[in-house]
N, C-alpha and C. Protein backbone atom coordinates (compact mmCIF):
# COMPACT_ATOMS: atom_id res chain seq x y z
N MET A 1 0.85 -1.19 0.00
CA MET A 1 0.00 0.00 0.00
C MET A 1 0.89 1.25 0.00
N ASP A 2 0.46 2.25 -0.71
CA ASP A 2 1.17 3.52 -0.71
C ASP A 2 0.80 4.34 0.52
N ALA A 3 1.79 4.94 1.14
CA ALA A 3 1.52 5.86 2.25
C ALA A 3 0.95 7.16 1.69
N ILE A 4 1.46 7.57 0.52
CA ILE A 4 0.99 8.78 -0.17
C ILE A 4 0.83 8.45 -1.65
N ARG A 5 -0.30 8.83 -2.19
CA ARG A 5 -0.53 8.69 -3.64
C ARG A 5 -1.06 10.03 -4.16
N ILE A 6 -0.39 10.58 -5.14
CA ILE A 6 -0.74 11.88 -5.69
C ILE A 6 -0.95 11.73 -7.19
N GLU A 7 -2.08 12.26 -7.68
CA GLU A 7 -2.40 12.20 -9.11
C GLU A 7 -2.76 13.59 -9.63
N HIS A 8 -1.88 14.16 -10.42
CA HIS A 8 -2.12 15.44 -11.10
C HIS A 8 -2.50 16.57 -10.14
N LEU A 9 -1.90 16.59 -8.97
CA LEU A 9 -2.22 17.60 -7.95
C LEU A 9 -1.78 18.97 -8.44
N THR A 10 -2.69 19.92 -8.37
CA THR A 10 -2.44 21.27 -8.87
C THR A 10 -2.98 22.29 -7.88
N LYS A 11 -2.24 23.37 -7.68
CA LYS A 11 -2.72 24.49 -6.87
C LYS A 11 -2.33 25.78 -7.56
N THR A 12 -3.32 26.60 -7.82
CA THR A 12 -3.07 27.91 -8.42
C THR A 12 -3.55 29.00 -7.48
N PHE A 13 -2.85 30.11 -7.54
CA PHE A 13 -3.23 31.32 -6.81
C PHE A 13 -3.35 32.41 -7.86
N GLY A 14 -4.55 32.62 -8.35
CA GLY A 14 -4.74 33.57 -9.45
C GLY A 14 -4.00 33.07 -10.68
N GLU A 15 -3.07 33.85 -11.16
CA GLU A 15 -2.28 33.50 -12.35
C GLU A 15 -1.06 32.63 -11.99
N ILE A 16 -0.77 32.51 -10.71
CA ILE A 16 0.43 31.76 -10.28
C ILE A 16 0.09 30.29 -10.13
N ASN A 17 0.86 29.45 -10.80
CA ASN A 17 0.70 28.00 -10.72
C ASN A 17 1.74 27.48 -9.73
N ALA A 18 1.35 27.30 -8.46
CA ALA A 18 2.29 26.93 -7.41
C ALA A 18 2.69 25.46 -7.49
N VAL A 19 1.73 24.58 -7.80
CA VAL A 19 1.98 23.14 -7.98
C VAL A 19 1.27 22.76 -9.28
N ASP A 20 2.01 22.13 -10.19
CA ASP A 20 1.49 21.88 -11.53
C ASP A 20 1.43 20.39 -11.87
N ARG A 21 0.27 19.78 -11.64
CA ARG A 21 -0.02 18.40 -12.02
C ARG A 21 1.01 17.40 -11.45
N LEU A 22 1.30 17.54 -10.18
CA LEU A 22 2.25 16.66 -9.50
C LEU A 22 1.66 15.26 -9.36
N THR A 23 2.42 14.26 -9.79
CA THR A 23 2.02 12.87 -9.65
C THR A 23 3.18 12.09 -9.06
N LEU A 24 2.93 11.38 -7.96
CA LEU A 24 3.96 10.53 -7.36
C LEU A 24 3.34 9.59 -6.36
N ASN A 25 4.07 8.55 -6.04
CA ASN A 25 3.66 7.59 -5.01
C ASN A 25 4.81 7.45 -4.02
N VAL A 26 4.48 7.37 -2.75
CA VAL A 26 5.46 7.09 -1.70
C VAL A 26 4.99 5.82 -1.01
N ALA A 27 5.81 4.79 -1.09
CA ALA A 27 5.45 3.50 -0.50
C ALA A 27 5.49 3.56 1.02
N GLU A 28 4.68 2.74 1.65
CA GLU A 28 4.69 2.63 3.10
C GLU A 28 6.10 2.25 3.55
N GLY A 29 6.66 2.95 4.52
CA GLY A 29 8.00 2.67 5.02
C GLY A 29 9.11 3.38 4.25
N GLU A 30 8.80 3.98 3.12
CA GLU A 30 9.80 4.68 2.31
C GLU A 30 10.08 6.05 2.91
N ILE A 31 11.32 6.48 2.84
CA ILE A 31 11.68 7.83 3.26
C ILE A 31 11.74 8.68 2.00
N PHE A 32 11.04 9.81 2.03
CA PHE A 32 10.90 10.64 0.84
C PHE A 32 11.00 12.10 1.25
N GLY A 33 11.67 12.91 0.46
CA GLY A 33 11.80 14.33 0.75
C GLY A 33 11.45 15.17 -0.45
N LEU A 34 10.88 16.35 -0.19
CA LEU A 34 10.64 17.33 -1.23
C LEU A 34 11.76 18.35 -1.15
N VAL A 35 12.51 18.49 -2.23
CA VAL A 35 13.66 19.38 -2.25
C VAL A 35 13.53 20.33 -3.43
N GLY A 36 13.82 21.59 -3.22
CA GLY A 36 13.77 22.54 -4.30
C GLY A 36 13.95 23.95 -3.78
N PRO A 37 14.12 24.89 -4.68
CA PRO A 37 14.33 26.28 -4.27
C PRO A 37 13.07 26.92 -3.72
N ASP A 38 13.21 28.07 -3.09
CA ASP A 38 12.05 28.83 -2.62
C ASP A 38 11.10 29.03 -3.79
N GLY A 39 9.82 28.87 -3.53
CA GLY A 39 8.81 29.09 -4.57
C GLY A 39 8.56 27.89 -5.46
N ALA A 40 9.19 26.75 -5.16
CA ALA A 40 9.03 25.56 -6.01
C ALA A 40 7.72 24.82 -5.74
N GLY A 41 7.03 25.13 -4.64
CA GLY A 41 5.75 24.49 -4.34
C GLY A 41 5.81 23.44 -3.24
N LYS A 42 6.94 23.35 -2.54
CA LYS A 42 7.10 22.34 -1.48
C LYS A 42 6.09 22.55 -0.35
N THR A 43 6.03 23.74 0.18
CA THR A 43 5.13 24.02 1.30
C THR A 43 3.68 23.91 0.87
N THR A 44 3.37 24.39 -0.31
CA THR A 44 2.00 24.28 -0.83
C THR A 44 1.61 22.81 -0.96
N THR A 45 2.51 21.99 -1.46
CA THR A 45 2.24 20.55 -1.56
C THR A 45 1.99 19.95 -0.19
N MET A 46 2.84 20.28 0.77
CA MET A 46 2.67 19.74 2.13
C MET A 46 1.35 20.21 2.74
N ARG A 47 0.97 21.43 2.51
CA ARG A 47 -0.30 21.94 3.06
C ARG A 47 -1.48 21.20 2.45
N MET A 48 -1.39 20.86 1.18
CA MET A 48 -2.47 20.08 0.56
C MET A 48 -2.49 18.67 1.12
N LEU A 49 -1.31 18.05 1.26
CA LEU A 49 -1.25 16.67 1.75
C LEU A 49 -1.69 16.54 3.21
N THR A 50 -1.56 17.60 3.98
CA THR A 50 -1.98 17.57 5.37
C THR A 50 -3.42 18.06 5.55
N ALA A 51 -4.11 18.27 4.44
CA ALA A 51 -5.51 18.68 4.43
C ALA A 51 -5.72 20.06 5.05
N ILE A 52 -4.70 20.89 4.99
CA ILE A 52 -4.81 22.26 5.47
C ILE A 52 -5.31 23.16 4.35
N MET A 53 -4.96 22.80 3.11
CA MET A 53 -5.30 23.59 1.94
C MET A 53 -5.87 22.66 0.86
N GLU A 54 -6.94 23.08 0.23
CA GLU A 54 -7.53 22.26 -0.84
C GLU A 54 -6.82 22.53 -2.17
N PRO A 55 -6.64 21.49 -2.96
CA PRO A 55 -6.04 21.68 -4.28
C PRO A 55 -7.01 22.37 -5.24
N SER A 56 -6.46 22.97 -6.29
CA SER A 56 -7.31 23.52 -7.35
C SER A 56 -7.85 22.39 -8.20
N SER A 57 -7.04 21.35 -8.39
CA SER A 57 -7.47 20.16 -9.11
C SER A 57 -6.54 19.01 -8.77
N GLY A 58 -6.91 17.83 -9.23
CA GLY A 58 -6.13 16.63 -8.94
C GLY A 58 -6.60 15.96 -7.67
N ASP A 59 -5.97 14.85 -7.36
CA ASP A 59 -6.34 14.06 -6.18
C ASP A 59 -5.10 13.59 -5.45
N ALA A 60 -5.27 13.32 -4.18
CA ALA A 60 -4.19 12.73 -3.38
C ALA A 60 -4.80 11.99 -2.21
N TRP A 61 -4.09 10.95 -1.79
CA TRP A 61 -4.50 10.15 -0.65
C TRP A 61 -3.30 10.03 0.29
N VAL A 62 -3.55 10.20 1.57
CA VAL A 62 -2.53 10.04 2.60
C VAL A 62 -3.05 8.99 3.57
N ALA A 63 -2.27 7.93 3.77
CA ALA A 63 -2.67 6.81 4.63
C ALA A 63 -4.04 6.26 4.22
N GLY A 64 -4.29 6.28 2.92
CA GLY A 64 -5.54 5.74 2.40
C GLY A 64 -6.72 6.69 2.44
N HIS A 65 -6.54 7.91 2.91
CA HIS A 65 -7.62 8.88 3.02
C HIS A 65 -7.46 9.98 1.98
N HIS A 66 -8.55 10.31 1.30
CA HIS A 66 -8.54 11.38 0.29
C HIS A 66 -8.37 12.72 1.00
N ILE A 67 -7.50 13.58 0.48
CA ILE A 67 -7.16 14.82 1.18
C ILE A 67 -8.30 15.84 1.26
N VAL A 68 -9.30 15.71 0.41
CA VAL A 68 -10.45 16.62 0.48
C VAL A 68 -11.66 15.93 1.12
N LYS A 69 -11.98 14.75 0.65
CA LYS A 69 -13.19 14.05 1.11
C LYS A 69 -13.04 13.46 2.50
N GLU A 70 -11.80 13.18 2.93
CA GLU A 70 -11.55 12.56 4.23
C GLU A 70 -10.44 13.31 4.98
N ALA A 71 -10.59 14.62 5.06
CA ALA A 71 -9.53 15.45 5.65
C ALA A 71 -9.31 15.18 7.14
N GLU A 72 -10.36 15.02 7.91
CA GLU A 72 -10.21 14.88 9.36
C GLU A 72 -9.39 13.65 9.77
N PRO A 73 -9.62 12.46 9.18
CA PRO A 73 -8.77 11.32 9.56
C PRO A 73 -7.29 11.55 9.26
N ILE A 74 -7.00 12.31 8.21
CA ILE A 74 -5.60 12.62 7.90
C ILE A 74 -5.00 13.45 9.03
N LYS A 75 -5.72 14.46 9.48
CA LYS A 75 -5.24 15.34 10.54
C LYS A 75 -4.99 14.57 11.83
N GLU A 76 -5.73 13.48 12.04
CA GLU A 76 -5.56 12.66 13.24
C GLU A 76 -4.37 11.72 13.14
N GLU A 77 -3.91 11.41 11.93
CA GLU A 77 -2.85 10.42 11.74
C GLU A 77 -1.47 10.99 11.43
N ILE A 78 -1.39 12.25 11.07
CA ILE A 78 -0.10 12.82 10.66
C ILE A 78 0.24 14.03 11.52
N ALA A 79 1.47 14.46 11.41
CA ALA A 79 1.90 15.69 12.07
C ALA A 79 2.62 16.55 11.04
N TYR A 80 2.45 17.84 11.15
CA TYR A 80 3.07 18.79 10.23
C TYR A 80 3.61 19.95 11.03
N MET A 81 4.88 20.26 10.87
CA MET A 81 5.50 21.38 11.57
C MET A 81 5.93 22.40 10.53
N SER A 82 5.29 23.54 10.56
CA SER A 82 5.63 24.61 9.64
C SER A 82 7.01 25.16 9.99
N GLN A 83 7.70 25.69 8.99
CA GLN A 83 9.02 26.27 9.27
C GLN A 83 8.89 27.64 9.91
N ARG A 84 7.71 28.21 9.84
CA ARG A 84 7.48 29.51 10.47
C ARG A 84 6.62 29.33 11.71
N PHE A 85 6.85 30.16 12.70
CA PHE A 85 6.06 30.14 13.92
C PHE A 85 4.64 30.58 13.58
N GLY A 86 3.64 29.82 14.00
CA GLY A 86 2.28 30.04 13.54
C GLY A 86 1.38 30.86 14.42
N LEU A 87 1.88 31.52 15.46
CA LEU A 87 1.03 32.32 16.32
C LEU A 87 1.23 33.80 16.01
N TYR A 88 0.18 34.57 16.23
CA TYR A 88 0.25 36.00 15.97
C TYR A 88 0.68 36.73 17.24
N PRO A 89 1.80 37.46 17.20
CA PRO A 89 2.35 38.06 18.41
C PRO A 89 1.48 39.16 19.02
N ASP A 90 0.57 39.74 18.24
CA ASP A 90 -0.28 40.80 18.79
C ASP A 90 -1.54 40.25 19.47
N LEU A 91 -1.71 38.91 19.47
CA LEU A 91 -2.84 38.28 20.14
C LEU A 91 -2.36 37.51 21.37
N THR A 92 -3.24 37.39 22.38
CA THR A 92 -2.90 36.56 23.53
C THR A 92 -2.95 35.09 23.10
N ILE A 93 -2.51 34.21 23.98
CA ILE A 93 -2.57 32.79 23.68
C ILE A 93 -4.01 32.38 23.40
N MET A 94 -4.96 32.80 24.27
CA MET A 94 -6.36 32.43 24.07
C MET A 94 -6.93 33.01 22.79
N GLU A 95 -6.53 34.22 22.45
CA GLU A 95 -7.00 34.81 21.19
C GLU A 95 -6.47 34.01 19.99
N ASN A 96 -5.22 33.57 20.06
CA ASN A 96 -4.66 32.73 19.01
C ASN A 96 -5.39 31.40 18.93
N VAL A 97 -5.62 30.76 20.07
CA VAL A 97 -6.30 29.45 20.10
C VAL A 97 -7.70 29.59 19.52
N ASN A 98 -8.43 30.61 19.91
CA ASN A 98 -9.79 30.80 19.39
C ASN A 98 -9.78 31.14 17.90
N PHE A 99 -8.78 31.88 17.47
CA PHE A 99 -8.64 32.20 16.04
C PHE A 99 -8.51 30.91 15.23
N TYR A 100 -7.60 30.02 15.67
CA TYR A 100 -7.40 28.76 14.94
C TYR A 100 -8.60 27.83 15.08
N ALA A 101 -9.28 27.87 16.21
CA ALA A 101 -10.50 27.07 16.38
C ALA A 101 -11.55 27.52 15.38
N ASP A 102 -11.64 28.83 15.13
CA ASP A 102 -12.57 29.34 14.13
C ASP A 102 -12.19 28.88 12.73
N ILE A 103 -10.90 28.96 12.41
CA ILE A 103 -10.43 28.54 11.08
C ILE A 103 -10.74 27.07 10.83
N TYR A 104 -10.50 26.23 11.85
CA TYR A 104 -10.72 24.78 11.68
C TYR A 104 -12.14 24.36 12.04
N GLU A 105 -13.02 25.36 12.24
CA GLU A 105 -14.43 25.11 12.48
C GLU A 105 -14.69 24.14 13.64
N VAL A 106 -13.94 24.33 14.73
CA VAL A 106 -14.19 23.54 15.93
C VAL A 106 -15.53 24.01 16.50
N PRO A 107 -16.48 23.10 16.68
CA PRO A 107 -17.81 23.51 17.18
C PRO A 107 -17.71 24.20 18.53
N ARG A 108 -18.50 25.22 18.72
CA ARG A 108 -18.47 26.00 19.97
C ARG A 108 -18.74 25.12 21.19
N LYS A 109 -19.64 24.14 21.05
CA LYS A 109 -19.99 23.26 22.19
C LYS A 109 -18.79 22.44 22.64
N ALA A 110 -17.94 22.01 21.71
CA ALA A 110 -16.80 21.16 22.04
C ALA A 110 -15.54 21.98 22.32
N ARG A 111 -15.57 23.25 22.02
CA ARG A 111 -14.37 24.08 22.05
C ARG A 111 -13.75 24.21 23.44
N SER A 112 -14.54 24.47 24.45
CA SER A 112 -14.00 24.71 25.79
C SER A 112 -13.19 23.51 26.29
N ALA A 113 -13.76 22.31 26.17
CA ALA A 113 -13.05 21.11 26.63
C ALA A 113 -11.79 20.87 25.81
N ARG A 114 -11.86 21.08 24.51
CA ARG A 114 -10.69 20.84 23.65
C ARG A 114 -9.59 21.87 23.93
N ILE A 115 -9.97 23.11 24.19
CA ILE A 115 -8.98 24.15 24.50
C ILE A 115 -8.32 23.84 25.84
N ASP A 116 -9.11 23.44 26.84
CA ASP A 116 -8.53 23.08 28.14
C ASP A 116 -7.51 21.95 27.98
N GLU A 117 -7.86 20.95 27.17
CA GLU A 117 -6.96 19.82 26.92
C GLU A 117 -5.67 20.28 26.24
N LEU A 118 -5.81 21.14 25.23
CA LEU A 118 -4.64 21.67 24.51
C LEU A 118 -3.74 22.49 25.42
N LEU A 119 -4.33 23.36 26.22
CA LEU A 119 -3.53 24.20 27.12
C LEU A 119 -2.82 23.36 28.17
N ALA A 120 -3.48 22.35 28.69
CA ALA A 120 -2.85 21.46 29.68
C ALA A 120 -1.70 20.69 29.04
N PHE A 121 -1.93 20.17 27.84
CA PHE A 121 -0.90 19.41 27.12
C PHE A 121 0.35 20.24 26.87
N SER A 122 0.15 21.52 26.54
CA SER A 122 1.28 22.39 26.20
C SER A 122 1.81 23.20 27.39
N ASN A 123 1.28 22.93 28.56
CA ASN A 123 1.68 23.65 29.78
C ASN A 123 1.47 25.16 29.69
N LEU A 124 0.43 25.57 29.00
CA LEU A 124 0.15 27.00 28.84
C LEU A 124 -1.05 27.47 29.66
N THR A 125 -1.69 26.57 30.39
CA THR A 125 -2.88 26.94 31.16
C THR A 125 -2.65 28.14 32.08
N PRO A 126 -1.57 28.17 32.88
CA PRO A 126 -1.40 29.29 33.81
C PRO A 126 -1.29 30.66 33.14
N SER A 127 -0.87 30.70 31.90
CA SER A 127 -0.63 31.98 31.24
C SER A 127 -1.52 32.21 30.03
N SER A 128 -2.59 31.46 29.91
CA SER A 128 -3.37 31.47 28.68
C SER A 128 -4.01 32.81 28.34
N ASN A 129 -4.20 33.68 29.30
CA ASN A 129 -4.81 34.98 28.98
C ASN A 129 -3.80 36.12 29.04
N GLY A 130 -2.54 35.79 29.26
CA GLY A 130 -1.51 36.83 29.29
C GLY A 130 -0.75 36.88 27.99
N TRP A 131 0.53 36.96 28.12
CA TRP A 131 1.50 36.97 27.01
C TRP A 131 1.00 37.50 25.68
N ARG A 132 1.46 38.63 25.34
CA ARG A 132 1.31 39.14 23.98
C ARG A 132 2.70 39.24 23.41
N GLY A 133 2.89 38.64 22.27
CA GLY A 133 4.16 38.79 21.55
C GLY A 133 5.26 37.87 21.98
N ASN A 134 5.58 37.78 23.26
CA ASN A 134 6.71 36.97 23.71
C ASN A 134 6.25 35.61 24.20
N PHE A 135 6.09 34.68 23.28
CA PHE A 135 5.67 33.34 23.64
C PHE A 135 6.84 32.59 24.24
N PRO A 136 6.57 31.68 25.15
CA PRO A 136 7.66 30.94 25.80
C PRO A 136 8.42 30.09 24.79
N ALA A 137 9.72 30.01 24.97
CA ALA A 137 10.53 29.16 24.10
C ALA A 137 10.34 27.72 24.46
N GLY A 138 10.40 26.83 23.40
CA GLY A 138 10.29 25.39 23.49
C GLY A 138 10.31 24.87 24.85
């Protein structure tokens, strides 16, 4: 079974073609890397494969799940670490958490318990309504 299967994956931003009909397979257990210069489409490809961004066209499956039709199971099975820090320094921790909860459409009813769990896991509960800009280092 392929861990990743990509067929003609494409992402455009207006006139810019960031990923152009990418097709590849990565076998289960295989080590694979995306290498290329800035602007080559590596990050865009990873965002599509992690179900963070929808493709303009084409299809892909990660761990047997379609990246658009079955996005949530992908998010539960993989991890993705962006090269840039993903929090906004002008927002508090709670403002950042609620911002991302809105983006990922976390239901309001489930949000409080999930946020409490996240803050406890990351040891940020004591400071969750403070800190603007200077987030604690690793």
